[in-house]
Amino acid sequence: MARQYRHGDVIIEEAEALPSGGEKLPHTILAHGEVTGHAHRIKESGDADLYLAPGSLFLHVRGPSVTVIHEEHSPITLPSGFYRVWRQREYSPEEIRVVRD
């Protein structure tokens, strides 16, 4: 099973590789906070690339490690490698919605 990390409502899971057809993004913001406006982001943006692939974001950590930061959460360290990134969903019988961070 792939190792998972959690940073607030953002889930980060190890991946074997980047999927084909991913579009490299010009930033390393994993998710914007909807309530506070703060963002889950990579502190060492020069050591990582973020890609938009069908259905998910993928992160490639090129440096030895990077730090995921957000003003309301403790930082976490991700080692070099590939990761799939998504936001936790909130379940309701009426609808499925993104968890508010």
Protein backbone atom coordinates (compact mmCIF):
# COMPACT_ATOMS: atom_id res chain seq x y z
CA MET A 1 0.00 0.00 0.00
CA ALA A 2 1.27 3.47 -0.88
CA ARG A 3 2.19 5.77 1.98
CA GLN A 4 -0.27 8.60 2.61
CA TYR A 5 0.21 11.98 4.25
CA ARG A 6 -2.49 14.33 5.48
CA HIS A 7 -2.19 18.10 5.74
CA GLY A 8 -5.53 19.49 6.91
CA ASP A 9 -8.05 18.50 4.22
CA VAL A 10 -5.32 17.71 1.67
CA ILE A 11 -4.35 14.07 1.15
CA ILE A 12 -0.98 13.27 -0.44
CA GLU A 13 -0.27 9.70 -1.55
CA GLU A 14 2.94 8.24 -2.95
CA ALA A 15 2.70 7.36 -6.65
CA GLU A 16 4.99 5.28 -8.85
CA ALA A 17 5.24 7.91 -11.60
CA LEU A 18 3.52 10.87 -13.18
CA PRO A 19 0.63 9.90 -15.46
CA SER A 20 1.04 10.69 -19.14
CA GLY A 21 -0.63 13.83 -20.42
CA GLY A 22 -0.11 15.88 -17.26
CA GLU A 23 0.21 19.65 -17.65
CA LYS A 24 2.95 21.32 -15.60
CA LEU A 25 1.55 24.17 -13.50
CA PRO A 26 3.44 27.44 -12.87
CA HIS A 27 3.13 27.10 -9.07
CA THR A 28 3.32 24.58 -6.24
CA ILE A 29 0.06 25.42 -4.45
CA LEU A 30 -1.62 22.14 -3.55
CA ALA A 31 -4.95 23.68 -2.47
CA HIS A 32 -6.39 27.08 -1.64
CA GLY A 33 -8.23 27.46 1.66
CA GLU A 34 -11.85 28.42 1.04
CA VAL A 35 -12.52 29.99 4.41
CA THR A 36 -9.25 31.75 5.30
CA GLY A 37 -7.69 32.25 1.88
CA HIS A 38 -4.51 30.52 3.07
CA ALA A 39 -2.97 27.86 0.83
CA HIS A 40 -1.42 24.44 1.28
CA ARG A 41 1.84 24.91 -0.61
CA ILE A 42 5.40 23.72 -1.06
CA LYS A 43 7.90 25.93 0.80
CA GLU A 44 10.85 24.96 -1.43
CA SER A 45 9.03 25.55 -4.74
CA GLY A 46 12.28 25.25 -6.73
CA ASP A 47 12.62 21.60 -5.64
CA ALA A 48 9.20 20.41 -6.84
CA ASP A 49 6.84 20.55 -9.81
CA LEU A 50 3.05 20.30 -9.74
CA TYR A 51 1.09 18.75 -12.61
CA LEU A 52 -2.60 18.73 -13.49
CA ALA A 53 -3.57 15.34 -14.87
CA PRO A 54 -7.06 14.04 -15.61
CA GLY A 55 -8.84 13.86 -12.27
CA SER A 56 -5.96 14.78 -9.95
CA LEU A 57 -2.94 16.85 -9.15
CA PHE A 58 0.46 15.18 -9.11
CA LEU A 59 3.56 16.42 -7.34
CA HIS A 60 7.12 15.57 -8.33
CA VAL A 61 9.58 16.25 -5.51
CA ARG A 62 12.94 16.59 -7.29
CA GLY A 63 15.00 17.70 -4.30
CA PRO A 64 15.91 15.46 -1.35
CA SER A 65 12.72 16.62 0.41
CA VAL A 66 10.23 19.49 0.53
CA THR A 67 8.01 20.98 3.23
CA VAL A 68 4.24 21.34 2.89
CA ILE A 69 3.15 24.48 4.74
CA HIS A 70 -0.11 26.24 5.69
CA GLU A 71 -0.71 28.91 8.29
CA GLU A 72 -3.13 26.74 10.31
CA HIS A 73 -1.29 23.39 10.24
CA SER A 74 2.08 22.05 11.31
CA PRO A 75 4.48 21.58 8.40
CA ILE A 76 5.11 18.10 7.00
CA THR A 77 8.12 16.85 5.06
CA LEU A 78 7.82 14.83 1.85
CA PRO A 79 10.84 12.88 0.60
CA SER A 80 11.89 12.85 -3.05
CA GLY A 81 9.42 11.06 -5.32
CA PHE A 82 6.03 11.27 -7.01
CA TYR A 83 2.72 11.95 -5.26
CA ARG A 84 -0.98 12.19 -6.09
CA VAL A 85 -2.71 15.09 -4.31
CA TRP A 86 -6.42 15.53 -3.60
CA ARG A 87 -8.79 17.14 -1.13
CA GLN A 88 -10.83 15.16 1.34
CA ARG A 89 -14.53 15.10 0.50
CA GLU A 90 -17.37 15.50 2.95
CA TYR A 91 -20.26 13.06 2.64
CA SER A 92 -23.89 14.06 2.95
CA PRO A 93 -26.86 11.97 1.74
CA GLU A 94 -27.98 15.01 -0.28
CA GLU A 95 -24.62 15.92 -1.84
CA ILE A 96 -20.88 15.42 -1.82
CA ARG A 97 -18.86 18.53 -1.09
CA VAL A 98 -15.25 19.49 -0.39
CA VAL A 99 -14.37 19.66 3.32
CA ARG A 100 -13.89 23.26 4.45
CA ASP A 101 -10.43 23.76 5.93
